[in-house]
Amino acid sequence: MPDFLSRHSAGFLLDRGTLNPGRSPYAELFRYYPQKHAALSAVAGRRSFLWAVRSQIGFRHYEMCKPVEWVLRVGVDRILGYVDDEKWMAFLDERFANVDGCFTLKPPT
């Protein structure tokens, strides 16, 4: 099973409760984050999911709003798909019109 890293805000308990996009730090940064998250959820086919990166790759940037890092061991059968960071951020910033192309079932090259 591959190891992944997932970052969250302080106080977020990964092993309790439900995930609420409206409580994400991104909801404060991007006006339509809950709606955009819902669009991605529809494409991914799941209402709720965690964002994570492979531990051997790691995160490219540090985000002050997400200071807590979790190490997750995830079965390959539990990976929903992959998000293209650049397209997703363009979608959040309203520079990319729709969510299509942000999500794929195959790992990026």
C-alpha atoms as a PDB file:
ATOM      1  CA  MET A   1       0.000   0.000   0.000  1.00  0.00           C
ATOM      2  CA  PRO A   2       1.378   3.404  -0.934  1.00  0.00           C
ATOM      3  CA  ASP A   3       1.776   6.164   1.646  1.00  0.00           C
ATOM      4  CA  PHE A   4       0.164   9.541   1.042  1.00  0.00           C
ATOM      5  CA  LEU A   5       0.299  12.938   2.721  1.00  0.00           C
ATOM      6  CA  SER A   6      -2.789  15.024   3.405  1.00  0.00           C
ATOM      7  CA  ARG A   7      -2.743  18.518   4.930  1.00  0.00           C
ATOM      8  CA  HIS A   8      -5.488  20.109   6.969  1.00  0.00           C
ATOM      9  CA  SER A   9      -6.244  23.042   9.206  1.00  0.00           C
ATOM     10  CA  ALA A  10      -5.596  22.875  12.942  1.00  0.00           C
ATOM     11  CA  GLY A  11      -8.449  21.197  14.756  1.00  0.00           C
ATOM     12  CA  PHE A  12      -9.460  19.030  11.801  1.00  0.00           C
ATOM     13  CA  LEU A  13      -9.814  15.435  12.964  1.00  0.00           C
ATOM     14  CA  LEU A  14      -9.260  13.072  10.074  1.00  0.00           C
ATOM     15  CA  ASP A  15     -10.676  10.095  11.928  1.00  0.00           C
ATOM     16  CA  ARG A  16     -13.914  11.720  13.163  1.00  0.00           C
ATOM     17  CA  GLY A  17     -16.940  13.430  11.732  1.00  0.00           C
ATOM     18  CA  THR A  18     -17.697  14.267   8.145  1.00  0.00           C
ATOM     19  CA  LEU A  19     -15.922  16.380   5.581  1.00  0.00           C
ATOM     20  CA  ASN A  20     -17.527  19.760   4.977  1.00  0.00           C
ATOM     21  CA  PRO A  21     -16.117  21.822   2.080  1.00  0.00           C
ATOM     22  CA  GLY A  22     -17.737  24.930   3.552  1.00  0.00           C
ATOM     23  CA  ARG A  23     -15.412  24.662   6.569  1.00  0.00           C
ATOM     24  CA  SER A  24     -12.278  24.290   4.448  1.00  0.00           C
ATOM     25  CA  PRO A  25      -9.786  27.164   4.651  1.00  0.00           C
ATOM     26  CA  TYR A  26     -10.244  27.421   0.868  1.00  0.00           C
ATOM     27  CA  ALA A  27     -13.862  28.464   1.412  1.00  0.00           C
ATOM     28  CA  GLU A  28     -12.489  31.731   2.816  1.00  0.00           C
ATOM     29  CA  LEU A  29     -10.045  32.191  -0.051  1.00  0.00           C
ATOM     30  CA  PHE A  30     -12.293  31.251  -2.978  1.00  0.00           C
ATOM     31  CA  ARG A  31     -15.804  32.660  -2.998  1.00  0.00           C
ATOM     32  CA  TYR A  32     -17.428  29.676  -4.718  1.00  0.00           C
ATOM     33  CA  TYR A  33     -15.310  26.904  -3.204  1.00  0.00           C
ATOM     34  CA  PRO A  34     -18.223  24.766  -1.889  1.00  0.00           C
ATOM     35  CA  GLN A  35     -19.940  24.909  -5.293  1.00  0.00           C
ATOM     36  CA  LYS A  36     -16.707  24.174  -7.153  1.00  0.00           C
ATOM     37  CA  HIS A  37     -15.990  21.288  -4.784  1.00  0.00           C
ATOM     38  CA  ALA A  38     -19.499  19.963  -5.510  1.00  0.00           C
ATOM     39  CA  ALA A  39     -18.769  20.115  -9.257  1.00  0.00           C
ATOM     40  CA  LEU A  40     -15.565  18.120  -8.741  1.00  0.00           C
ATOM     41  CA  SER A  41     -17.453  15.664  -6.514  1.00  0.00           C
ATOM     42  CA  ALA A  42     -19.938  15.062  -9.315  1.00  0.00           C
ATOM     43  CA  VAL A  43     -17.119  14.317 -11.767  1.00  0.00           C
ATOM     44  CA  ALA A  44     -15.337  12.067  -9.250  1.00  0.00           C
ATOM     45  CA  GLY A  45     -18.568  10.289  -8.384  1.00  0.00           C
ATOM     46  CA  ARG A  46     -18.167  10.835  -4.628  1.00  0.00           C
ATOM     47  CA  ARG A  47     -19.598  13.481  -2.345  1.00  0.00           C
ATOM     48  CA  SER A  48     -16.731  13.216   0.103  1.00  0.00           C
ATOM     49  CA  PHE A  49     -13.032  12.573  -0.412  1.00  0.00           C
ATOM     50  CA  LEU A  50      -9.612  13.562   0.902  1.00  0.00           C
ATOM     51  CA  TRP A  51      -6.969  15.371  -1.085  1.00  0.00           C
ATOM     52  CA  ALA A  52      -3.584  13.714  -0.810  1.00  0.00           C
ATOM     53  CA  VAL A  53      -0.237  13.399  -2.574  1.00  0.00           C
ATOM     54  CA  ARG A  54       2.116  10.451  -2.704  1.00  0.00           C
ATOM     55  CA  SER A  55       4.554  10.764   0.179  1.00  0.00           C
ATOM     56  CA  GLN A  56       7.606  10.203  -2.036  1.00  0.00           C
ATOM     57  CA  ILE A  57       6.577  13.201  -4.162  1.00  0.00           C
ATOM     58  CA  GLY A  58       5.448  15.443  -1.299  1.00  0.00           C
ATOM     59  CA  PHE A  59       3.798  18.834  -1.477  1.00  0.00           C
ATOM     60  CA  ARG A  60       5.244  21.532  -3.736  1.00  0.00           C
ATOM     61  CA  HIS A  61       4.159  24.367  -1.445  1.00  0.00           C
ATOM     62  CA  TYR A  62       3.470  25.029   2.208  1.00  0.00           C
ATOM     63  CA  GLU A  63       0.111  26.592   3.024  1.00  0.00           C
ATOM     64  CA  MET A  64      -0.204  28.523   6.283  1.00  0.00           C
ATOM     65  CA  CYS A  65      -3.922  27.664   6.426  1.00  0.00           C
ATOM     66  CA  LYS A  66      -3.125  23.922   6.537  1.00  0.00           C
ATOM     67  CA  PRO A  67      -0.321  23.400   9.088  1.00  0.00           C
ATOM     68  CA  VAL A  68      -1.175  19.797  10.072  1.00  0.00           C
ATOM     69  CA  GLU A  69       0.127  16.981   7.896  1.00  0.00           C
ATOM     70  CA  TRP A  70      -1.239  13.437   8.090  1.00  0.00           C
ATOM     71  CA  VAL A  71       0.507  10.355   6.730  1.00  0.00           C
ATOM     72  CA  LEU A  72      -2.009   7.936   5.242  1.00  0.00           C
ATOM     73  CA  ARG A  73      -1.574   4.370   4.072  1.00  0.00           C
ATOM     74  CA  VAL A  74      -4.150   3.879   1.336  1.00  0.00           C
ATOM     75  CA  GLY A  75      -5.031   0.768  -0.605  1.00  0.00           C
ATOM     76  CA  VAL A  76      -4.789   1.247  -4.362  1.00  0.00           C
ATOM     77  CA  ASP A  77      -8.459   0.255  -4.662  1.00  0.00           C
ATOM     78  CA  ARG A  78      -9.386   3.277  -2.479  1.00  0.00           C
ATOM     79  CA  ILE A  79      -7.826   5.863  -4.798  1.00  0.00           C
ATOM     80  CA  LEU A  80     -10.677   7.623  -6.607  1.00  0.00           C
ATOM     81  CA  GLY A  81      -8.548   9.404  -9.162  1.00  0.00           C
ATOM     82  CA  TYR A  82      -6.188  12.287  -9.728  1.00  0.00           C
ATOM     83  CA  VAL A  83      -6.650  16.048  -9.855  1.00  0.00           C
ATOM     84  CA  ASP A  84      -4.618  18.274 -12.162  1.00  0.00           C
ATOM     85  CA  ASP A  85      -3.515  21.005  -9.735  1.00  0.00           C
ATOM     86  CA  GLU A  86      -3.049  23.692 -12.362  1.00  0.00           C
ATOM     87  CA  LYS A  87      -6.457  23.153 -13.946  1.00  0.00           C
ATOM     88  CA  TRP A  88      -8.163  22.891 -10.556  1.00  0.00           C
ATOM     89  CA  MET A  89      -6.619  26.159  -9.342  1.00  0.00           C
ATOM     90  CA  ALA A  90      -7.583  27.854 -12.616  1.00  0.00           C
ATOM     91  CA  PHE A  91     -11.144  26.568 -12.106  1.00  0.00           C
ATOM     92  CA  LEU A  92     -11.193  27.948  -8.540  1.00  0.00           C
ATOM     93  CA  ASP A  93      -9.792  31.291  -9.737  1.00  0.00           C
ATOM     94  CA  GLU A  94     -12.461  31.498 -12.469  1.00  0.00           C
ATOM     95  CA  ARG A  95      -9.749  31.342 -15.168  1.00  0.00           C
ATOM     96  CA  PHE A  96     -10.992  27.951 -16.378  1.00  0.00           C
ATOM     97  CA  ALA A  97     -14.686  27.695 -17.243  1.00  0.00           C
ATOM     98  CA  ASN A  98     -15.539  24.186 -16.084  1.00  0.00           C
ATOM     99  CA  VAL A  99     -14.293  21.296 -14.016  1.00  0.00           C
ATOM    100  CA  ASP A 100     -13.887  18.953 -16.998  1.00  0.00           C
ATOM    101  CA  GLY A 101     -10.243  18.079 -17.405  1.00  0.00           C
ATOM    102  CA  CYS A 102      -9.439  18.644 -13.723  1.00  0.00           C
ATOM    103  CA  PHE A 103     -10.041  15.008 -12.760  1.00  0.00           C
ATOM    104  CA  THR A 104      -8.831  11.743 -14.269  1.00  0.00           C
ATOM    105  CA  LEU A 105      -8.828   8.104 -13.269  1.00  0.00           C
ATOM    106  CA  LYS A 106      -5.294   7.605 -14.558  1.00  0.00           C
ATOM    107  CA  PRO A 107      -2.187   8.899 -12.782  1.00  0.00           C
ATOM    108  CA  PRO A 108      -0.678  11.979 -14.429  1.00  0.00           C
ATOM    109  CA  THR A 109       2.481  11.561 -16.455  1.00  0.00           C
END
